[in-house]
């Protein structure tokens, strides 16, 4: 590898690291395909928004195509789990082999550090309340917050009950973990030592510094080429925990300092990164896909300013409510606002916009991906109901 990369080279390296340099499986997708993607990415961010489908299913669709979502459900919440839930890059599903690498974060949470302020009292003066809940779970088995107290918010998302706060502190401290999801995606908690495989529970706990270094290398491998800020953001490490680990990885030859044309910051290339000659293929990208979840990195890589507009008042939205960028042959060439109308079994295109100076054939390739997405979601067809400069072309393709 060179010590200076063009923006195109950096983009191809990043796309290869994220699994976009290889074709989707030609046949049925199985647990082996799923495992390889999850090991490559390191985590799947969980989000309660369910406009198209829950967020953690979409990155797998982007890379694998029409796969059975039950594969992920089984891996995360089946009788023999291969994944666990924890705070990584926000709430996430992670491979089991990362659990020991995050125990230092659990230890800090046990001391009341590194978490939401509303949870901190349960590490101190309200610890007894959490201990009562922990004892109940130990004696009676898994519980959800709704089993122990009223949790419905009166005026907003953050109006949790005391029991929910106590359970969340126990979860953050690693004393309990999610054993299943039920109803409206509510967590059901059990003791960590009962919910996770014995081999994981009994695995040795690395030294805090060693664990952070291993997480940082995981970040670098998943990103391919990245700034220091990108690297620490992947698992949300604090600067004091992350930056010394970067220097150690450079000294060990696992990270190679490079310059990327157009990037103001120093970049780091993972020692095993690949740079394919070209990227071929297409994918719809979820707002919480690790390729684009850090918006400044997405802008550096693709030259596209992307924002999720769910929390923007409708009158001020530019591209729509739940907008997915469309990746085609290594470039973001369009963005589309989608909604799954499950009652009428239709994938609704509420708006579609082409990026400036896009290549030919965007509408045809995007429509093919939308049809694939509808089939994957169990919907019967695609309907173009909204506006945007790409909608007319999509309608013409749909008619043909």
Protein backbone atom coordinates (compact mmCIF):
# COMPACT_ATOMS: atom_id res chain seq x y z
CA UNK A 1 0.00 0.00 0.00
CA UNK A 2 1.06 3.57 -0.68
CA UNK A 3 1.47 6.15 2.07
CA UNK A 4 -0.88 8.52 0.20
CA UNK A 5 -4.25 7.38 -1.09
CA UNK A 6 -6.63 9.07 -3.50
CA UNK A 7 -10.21 9.53 -2.37
CA UNK A 8 -11.26 6.81 -4.83
CA UNK A 9 -8.71 4.37 -3.40
CA UNK A 10 -9.81 5.10 0.16
CA UNK A 11 -13.43 4.56 -0.82
CA UNK A 12 -12.67 1.18 -2.44
CA UNK A 13 -10.69 0.09 0.63
CA UNK A 14 -13.57 1.07 2.93
CA UNK A 15 -16.15 -0.69 0.76
CA UNK A 16 -14.05 -3.87 0.64
CA UNK A 17 -13.61 -3.82 4.42
CA UNK A 18 -17.37 -3.54 4.82
CA UNK A 19 -18.10 -6.47 2.52
CA UNK A 20 -19.17 -4.67 -0.65
CA UNK A 21 -16.33 -5.93 -2.86
CA UNK A 22 -17.76 -9.40 -3.28
CA UNK A 23 -21.00 -10.54 -4.93
CA UNK A 24 -23.99 -11.57 -2.91
CA UNK A 25 -24.54 -15.32 -2.47
CA UNK A 26 -25.90 -16.94 -5.62
CA UNK A 27 -27.98 -19.50 -3.71
CA UNK A 28 -29.84 -19.65 -0.41
CA UNK A 29 -28.29 -17.70 2.46
CA UNK A 30 -27.39 -19.76 5.53
CA UNK A 31 -25.88 -19.23 8.98
CA UNK A 32 -22.38 -19.40 7.48
CA UNK A 33 -23.05 -16.35 5.32
CA UNK A 34 -24.56 -14.54 8.28
CA UNK A 35 -21.63 -15.38 10.55
CA UNK A 36 -19.07 -14.10 8.05
CA UNK A 37 -20.82 -10.75 7.64
CA UNK A 38 -21.23 -10.28 11.38
CA UNK A 39 -17.59 -11.17 12.05
CA UNK A 40 -16.54 -8.69 9.37
CA UNK A 41 -18.66 -5.83 10.71
CA UNK A 42 -18.24 -6.64 14.40
CA UNK A 43 -21.69 -5.38 15.41
CA UNK A 44 -25.20 -4.50 14.26
CA UNK A 45 -26.77 -1.38 15.73
CA UNK A 46 -30.28 -1.92 17.13
CA UNK A 47 -32.91 0.76 16.75
CA UNK A 48 -36.62 0.67 17.57
CA UNK A 49 -37.61 2.53 14.39
CA UNK A 50 -39.55 0.10 12.18
CA UNK A 51 -40.55 2.16 9.15
CA UNK A 52 -39.16 -0.34 6.64
CA UNK A 53 -37.86 -3.07 8.95
CA UNK A 54 -35.92 -2.93 12.21
CA UNK A 55 -32.49 -1.42 11.69
CA UNK A 56 -30.35 -4.47 12.50
CA UNK A 57 -31.84 -6.51 9.63
CA UNK A 58 -30.93 -4.03 6.89
CA UNK A 59 -27.09 -4.21 6.86
CA UNK A 60 -27.37 -7.95 6.21
CA UNK A 61 -29.82 -7.36 3.35
CA UNK A 62 -27.43 -4.80 1.86
CA UNK A 63 -24.66 -7.42 1.74
CA UNK A 64 -26.55 -10.71 1.35
CA UNK A 65 -29.72 -9.79 -0.52
CA UNK A 66 -32.89 -11.80 0.07
CA UNK A 67 -31.99 -13.68 3.25
CA UNK A 68 -34.33 -15.16 5.90
CA UNK A 69 -34.53 -12.70 8.79
CA UNK A 70 -35.10 -15.68 11.08
CA UNK A 71 -31.39 -16.43 10.69
CA UNK A 72 -30.55 -13.29 12.67
CA UNK A 73 -33.33 -13.88 15.20
CA UNK A 74 -31.99 -17.38 15.87
CA UNK A 75 -28.41 -16.15 16.15
CA UNK A 76 -29.41 -13.38 18.59
CA UNK A 77 -32.26 -14.85 20.63
CA UNK A 78 -32.34 -18.57 19.86
CA UNK A 79 -31.71 -21.41 22.27
CA UNK A 80 -27.99 -21.43 21.42
CA UNK A 81 -27.16 -17.77 20.77
CA UNK A 82 -24.24 -16.71 18.62
CA UNK A 83 -24.74 -13.01 19.37
CA UNK A 84 -25.39 -10.93 22.45
CA UNK A 85 -26.78 -7.47 23.11
CA UNK A 86 -24.75 -4.71 24.67
CA UNK A 87 -23.75 -1.07 24.35
CA UNK A 88 -21.11 -0.88 21.63
CA UNK A 89 -21.93 1.65 18.93
CA UNK A 90 -25.19 2.46 20.67
CA UNK A 91 -27.31 -0.62 21.53
CA UNK A 92 -25.95 -3.42 19.37
CA UNK A 93 -25.90 -7.10 18.53
CA UNK A 94 -22.34 -8.41 18.73
CA UNK A 95 -20.47 -11.70 18.18
CA UNK A 96 -20.05 -13.65 21.41
CA UNK A 97 -16.27 -13.45 21.21
CA UNK A 98 -16.49 -9.71 21.87
CA UNK A 99 -18.19 -10.14 25.24
CA UNK A 100 -14.92 -10.47 27.22
CA UNK A 101 -13.56 -7.40 25.39
CA UNK A 102 -16.38 -5.26 26.75
CA UNK A 103 -16.23 -6.34 30.38
CA UNK A 104 -14.12 -3.29 31.27
CA UNK A 105 -17.12 -1.18 30.22
CA UNK A 106 -19.34 -3.31 32.44
CA UNK A 107 -16.96 -2.82 35.37
CA UNK A 108 -17.10 0.95 34.88
CA UNK A 109 -20.90 0.82 34.77
CA UNK A 110 -20.86 -1.16 38.02
CA UNK A 111 -19.05 1.84 39.52
CA UNK A 112 -21.54 4.27 38.01
CA UNK A 113 -19.25 5.48 35.21
CA UNK A 114 -19.81 5.88 31.48
CA UNK A 115 -23.58 5.68 31.37
CA UNK A 116 -26.71 7.82 31.37
CA UNK A 117 -27.03 10.01 34.42
CA UNK A 118 -30.43 8.57 35.37
CA UNK A 119 -28.88 5.13 35.83
CA UNK A 120 -26.00 6.18 38.06
CA UNK A 121 -27.91 6.15 41.37
CA UNK A 122 -28.39 2.39 41.00
CA UNK A 123 -24.64 1.95 41.26
CA UNK A 124 -24.74 3.82 44.59
CA UNK A 125 -27.51 4.88 46.91
CA UNK A 126 -30.22 2.92 45.08
CA UNK A 127 -28.16 -0.23 44.60
CA UNK A 128 -30.47 -2.15 46.92
CA UNK A 129 -33.40 -1.72 44.51
CA UNK A 130 -31.36 -3.20 41.66
CA UNK A 131 -30.23 -6.06 43.89
CA UNK A 132 -33.87 -6.92 44.65
CA UNK A 133 -34.61 -7.14 40.94
CA UNK A 134 -31.48 -9.20 40.35
CA UNK A 135 -32.53 -11.62 43.10
CA UNK A 136 -36.01 -11.93 41.56
CA UNK A 137 -34.52 -12.81 38.16
CA UNK A 138 -32.18 -15.34 39.80
CA UNK A 139 -35.09 -17.00 41.60
CA UNK A 140 -37.96 -16.71 39.13
CA UNK A 141 -36.30 -16.50 35.72
CA UNK A 142 -36.35 -13.94 32.90
CA UNK A 143 -38.35 -10.72 33.25
CA UNK A 144 -39.18 -7.67 31.17
CA UNK A 145 -39.64 -4.19 32.57
CA UNK A 146 -43.39 -4.49 31.98
CA UNK A 147 -43.45 -7.53 34.28
CA UNK A 148 -42.32 -5.50 37.27
CA UNK A 149 -43.66 -1.98 36.75
CA UNK A 150 -45.60 0.27 34.42
CA UNK A 151 -43.19 1.51 31.74
CA UNK A 152 -45.34 3.35 29.24
CA UNK A 153 -44.14 6.92 28.82
CA UNK A 154 -46.57 9.68 29.77
CA UNK A 155 -45.10 12.33 27.51
CA UNK A 156 -41.85 11.06 26.02
CA UNK A 157 -39.49 8.20 25.32
CA UNK A 158 -37.26 8.82 28.32
CA UNK A 159 -39.98 8.59 31.01
CA UNK A 160 -38.94 5.15 32.16
CA UNK A 161 -40.10 3.62 35.41
CA UNK A 162 -37.68 3.13 38.29
CA UNK A 163 -37.72 -0.61 37.59
CA UNK A 164 -36.76 -0.04 33.96
CA UNK A 165 -33.88 2.20 35.03
CA UNK A 166 -32.67 -0.42 37.50
CA UNK A 167 -32.86 -3.15 34.86
CA UNK A 168 -30.96 -1.00 32.39
CA UNK A 169 -28.22 -0.38 34.95
CA UNK A 170 -27.94 -4.12 35.59
CA UNK A 171 -27.77 -4.67 31.82
CA UNK A 172 -25.08 -2.01 31.39
CA UNK A 173 -23.12 -3.51 34.29
CA UNK A 174 -23.24 -6.93 32.63
CA UNK A 175 -25.18 -8.59 35.42
CA UNK A 176 -28.09 -9.38 33.13
CA UNK A 177 -28.46 -9.60 29.36
CA UNK A 178 -31.23 -9.88 26.83
CA UNK A 179 -32.42 -13.43 26.35
CA UNK A 180 -35.25 -12.62 23.94
CA UNK A 181 -37.41 -9.82 22.55
CA UNK A 182 -41.18 -9.89 22.73
CA UNK A 183 -44.24 -7.89 21.72
CA UNK A 184 -43.20 -4.43 20.64
CA UNK A 185 -39.52 -5.44 20.69
CA UNK A 186 -39.33 -5.25 24.48
CA UNK A 187 -36.21 -6.71 26.08
CA UNK A 188 -36.60 -9.78 28.28
CA UNK A 189 -33.67 -10.04 30.69
CA UNK A 190 -31.99 -13.01 32.34
CA UNK A 191 -28.80 -13.51 34.32
CA UNK A 192 -25.81 -13.24 32.01
CA UNK A 193 -24.39 -16.56 33.25
CA UNK A 194 -27.65 -18.31 32.31
CA UNK A 195 -28.31 -16.57 29.02
CA UNK A 196 -24.86 -16.86 27.41
CA UNK A 197 -23.00 -20.07 26.58
CA UNK A 198 -20.79 -21.39 29.37
CA UNK A 199 -17.67 -21.04 27.22
CA UNK A 200 -18.28 -17.30 26.94
CA UNK A 201 -19.07 -16.80 30.61
CA UNK A 202 -15.93 -18.73 31.64
CA UNK A 203 -13.63 -17.04 29.10
CA UNK A 204 -10.82 -15.06 30.78
CA UNK A 205 -11.24 -11.31 31.12
CA UNK A 206 -8.52 -9.38 29.28
CA UNK A 207 -6.72 -6.48 30.85
CA UNK A 208 -8.62 -3.25 30.17
CA UNK A 209 -5.90 -1.82 27.93
CA UNK A 210 -5.52 -5.05 25.97
CA UNK A 211 -9.28 -5.26 25.44
CA UNK A 212 -9.45 -1.68 24.20
CA UNK A 213 -6.55 -2.33 21.82
CA UNK A 214 -8.31 -5.39 20.42
CA UNK A 215 -11.52 -3.39 19.95
CA UNK A 216 -9.61 -0.67 18.15
CA UNK A 217 -8.08 -3.20 15.79
CA UNK A 218 -11.55 -4.64 15.19
CA UNK A 219 -12.68 -1.13 14.28
CA UNK A 220 -9.74 -0.67 11.92
CA UNK A 221 -10.35 -4.01 10.22
CA UNK A 222 -14.05 -3.20 9.75
CA UNK A 223 -13.36 0.29 8.39
CA UNK A 224 -10.28 -0.45 6.26
CA UNK A 225 -8.98 3.11 6.34
CA UNK A 226 -10.10 5.63 8.94
CA UNK A 227 -9.22 8.65 11.03
CA UNK A 228 -8.59 8.33 14.74
CA UNK A 229 -12.06 9.74 15.38
CA UNK A 230 -13.62 7.15 13.05
CA UNK A 231 -11.77 4.35 14.84
CA UNK A 232 -12.85 5.28 18.33
CA UNK A 233 -16.43 6.00 17.25
CA UNK A 234 -17.01 2.43 16.03
CA UNK A 235 -17.17 1.03 19.58
CA UNK A 236 -17.64 4.47 21.17
CA UNK A 237 -14.36 4.61 23.09
CA UNK A 238 -13.37 7.78 24.89
CA UNK A 239 -10.31 9.63 23.53
CA UNK A 240 -8.17 8.70 26.56
CA UNK A 241 -8.98 5.03 25.98
CA UNK A 242 -8.63 5.10 22.20
CA UNK A 243 -5.73 7.30 21.15
CA UNK A 244 -2.97 5.51 23.12
CA UNK A 245 -4.22 2.23 21.62
CA UNK A 246 -3.86 3.68 18.11
CA UNK A 247 -0.23 4.54 18.82
CA UNK A 248 0.36 1.01 20.11
CA UNK A 249 -1.21 -0.51 17.01
CA UNK A 250 0.97 1.68 14.81
CA UNK A 251 4.06 0.57 16.74
CA UNK A 252 2.98 -3.06 16.29
CA UNK A 253 2.54 -2.62 12.54
CA UNK A 254 -1.20 -3.31 12.62
CA UNK A 255 -2.08 0.26 11.63
CA UNK A 256 -0.21 2.14 8.92
CA UNK A 257 -0.38 5.96 8.96
CA UNK A 258 -1.46 7.28 5.55
CA UNK A 259 -2.70 10.46 3.97
CA UNK A 260 -5.95 10.49 2.03
CA UNK A 261 -6.37 13.23 -0.53
CA UNK A 262 -9.13 15.60 0.55
CA UNK A 263 -9.09 14.44 4.19
CA UNK A 264 -7.88 17.05 6.66
CA UNK A 265 -7.06 14.50 9.37
CA UNK A 266 -4.37 11.84 9.58
CA UNK A 267 -5.70 8.46 8.42
CA UNK A 268 -4.77 4.91 9.42
CA UNK A 269 -4.84 1.87 7.15
CA UNK A 270 -5.32 -1.58 8.60
CA UNK A 271 -2.40 -3.84 7.76
CA UNK A 272 -4.67 -6.45 6.16
CA UNK A 273 -6.84 -4.02 4.17
CA UNK A 274 -7.62 -4.79 0.53
CA UNK A 275 -7.92 -2.30 -2.32
CA UNK A 276 -9.92 -3.82 -5.19
CA UNK A 277 -9.58 -2.37 -8.68
CA UNK A 278 -13.30 -1.63 -8.80
CA UNK A 279 -16.54 -2.13 -6.89
CA UNK A 280 -19.47 -3.63 -8.77
CA UNK A 281 -22.97 -4.07 -7.41
CA UNK A 282 -25.73 -2.18 -5.68
CA UNK A 283 -27.30 -1.88 -2.25
CA UNK A 284 -29.75 0.16 -0.24
CA UNK A 285 -28.00 1.44 2.89
CA UNK A 286 -29.75 1.74 6.23
CA UNK A 287 -29.27 4.99 8.18
CA UNK A 288 -27.48 2.94 10.87
CA UNK A 289 -25.26 0.93 8.52
CA UNK A 290 -21.65 1.07 9.76
CA UNK A 291 -20.56 2.19 6.30
CA UNK A 292 -22.36 5.52 6.73
CA UNK A 293 -23.48 5.89 10.37
CA UNK A 294 -20.71 8.42 11.07
CA UNK A 295 -21.95 11.21 8.80
CA UNK A 296 -18.69 13.14 8.44
CA UNK A 297 -16.94 9.93 7.34
CA UNK A 298 -19.70 9.22 4.81
CA UNK A 299 -19.21 12.71 3.41
CA UNK A 300 -15.44 12.20 3.17
CA UNK A 301 -15.84 8.84 1.45
CA UNK A 302 -18.70 9.61 -0.93
CA UNK A 303 -18.91 13.38 -1.21
CA UNK A 304 -22.54 13.20 -0.08
CA UNK A 305 -24.01 15.05 2.88
CA UNK A 306 -26.45 12.58 4.41
CA UNK A 307 -28.69 13.15 7.42
CA UNK A 308 -31.54 11.12 8.84
CA UNK A 309 -34.58 13.40 9.00
CA UNK A 310 -36.88 11.44 11.30
CA UNK A 311 -36.54 14.09 14.00
CA UNK A 312 -36.77 17.02 11.57
CA UNK A 313 -40.18 18.76 11.30
CA UNK A 314 -41.93 17.59 8.12
CA UNK A 315 -41.88 21.04 6.53
CA UNK A 316 -38.10 21.24 6.87
CA UNK A 317 -37.24 17.81 5.48
CA UNK A 318 -35.19 17.81 2.30
CA UNK A 319 -35.26 14.18 1.19
CA UNK A 320 -37.93 12.56 3.36
CA UNK A 321 -38.62 10.80 6.65
CA UNK A 322 -36.67 7.50 6.49
CA UNK A 323 -34.18 7.91 3.68
CA UNK A 324 -31.86 5.15 2.47
CA UNK A 325 -28.88 6.06 0.27
CA UNK A 326 -28.49 3.89 -2.84
CA UNK A 327 -25.00 2.54 -3.43
CA UNK A 328 -24.19 1.62 -7.03
CA UNK A 329 -20.77 0.47 -8.25
CA UNK A 330 -18.99 2.08 -5.34
CA UNK A 331 -20.79 5.44 -5.38
CA UNK A 332 -23.84 6.81 -3.60
CA UNK A 333 -25.92 7.83 -6.60
CA UNK A 334 -29.40 8.35 -5.15
CA UNK A 335 -31.44 8.39 -1.95
CA UNK A 336 -34.94 7.08 -1.47
CA UNK A 337 -37.53 7.57 1.28
CA UNK A 338 -39.16 4.19 1.92
CA UNK A 339 -42.00 2.86 4.00
CA UNK A 340 -43.33 -0.69 4.28
CA UNK A 341 -47.13 -0.61 4.12
CA UNK A 342 -47.60 -4.04 5.68
CA UNK A 343 -51.41 -3.90 5.74
CA UNK A 344 -51.59 -3.45 1.96
CA UNK A 345 -48.38 -5.42 1.29
CA UNK A 346 -46.71 -2.57 -0.60
CA UNK A 347 -43.24 -1.01 -0.43
CA UNK A 348 -43.92 2.72 -0.75
CA UNK A 349 -41.41 5.05 -2.37
CA UNK A 350 -42.31 8.36 -0.76
CA UNK A 351 -39.56 10.28 -2.53
CA UNK A 352 -36.51 9.53 -4.65
CA UNK A 353 -33.67 11.88 -5.49
CA UNK A 354 -30.65 11.39 -7.75
CA UNK A 355 -27.27 12.70 -6.70
CA UNK A 356 -25.63 15.26 -9.02
CA UNK A 357 -23.54 13.91 -11.91
CA UNK A 358 -24.79 10.38 -11.43
CA UNK A 359 -24.15 7.63 -14.01
CA UNK A 360 -26.67 6.27 -16.46
CA UNK A 361 -28.98 3.46 -15.45
CA UNK A 362 -29.65 4.56 -11.86
CA UNK A 363 -33.44 4.23 -12.09
CA UNK A 364 -33.26 0.71 -13.55
CA UNK A 365 -30.75 -0.51 -10.97
CA UNK A 366 -32.59 1.16 -8.09
CA UNK A 367 -35.91 -0.34 -9.15
CA UNK A 368 -34.34 -3.81 -9.28
CA UNK A 369 -33.14 -3.33 -5.71
CA UNK A 370 -36.53 -2.04 -4.57
CA UNK A 371 -38.26 -5.07 -6.06
CA UNK A 372 -35.77 -7.33 -4.30
CA UNK A 373 -36.35 -5.47 -1.01
CA UNK A 374 -40.14 -5.81 -1.36
CA UNK A 375 -39.80 -9.56 -1.90
CA UNK A 376 -37.47 -9.86 1.09
CA UNK A 377 -39.98 -7.99 3.27
CA UNK A 378 -42.85 -10.22 2.15
CA UNK A 379 -44.56 -7.40 0.23
CA UNK A 380 -46.28 -7.87 -3.10
CA UNK A 381 -45.11 -4.86 -5.07
CA UNK A 382 -43.48 -1.41 -5.15
CA UNK A 383 -45.49 1.81 -5.46
CA UNK A 384 -44.01 5.19 -6.37
CA UNK A 385 -46.28 7.62 -4.54
CA UNK A 386 -44.09 10.63 -3.82
CA UNK A 387 -41.95 13.28 -5.41
CA UNK A 388 -38.32 13.86 -6.22
CA UNK A 389 -36.40 14.15 -9.47
CA UNK A 390 -35.96 10.38 -9.77
CA UNK A 391 -39.61 9.40 -9.28
CA UNK A 392 -40.67 9.86 -12.90
CA UNK A 393 -37.86 7.63 -14.12
CA UNK A 394 -38.74 5.01 -11.50
CA UNK A 395 -42.39 5.06 -12.61
CA UNK A 396 -41.33 4.56 -16.22
CA UNK A 397 -39.18 1.60 -15.24
CA UNK A 398 -41.99 0.17 -13.12
CA UNK A 399 -44.44 0.40 -16.04
CA UNK A 400 -42.00 -1.41 -18.31
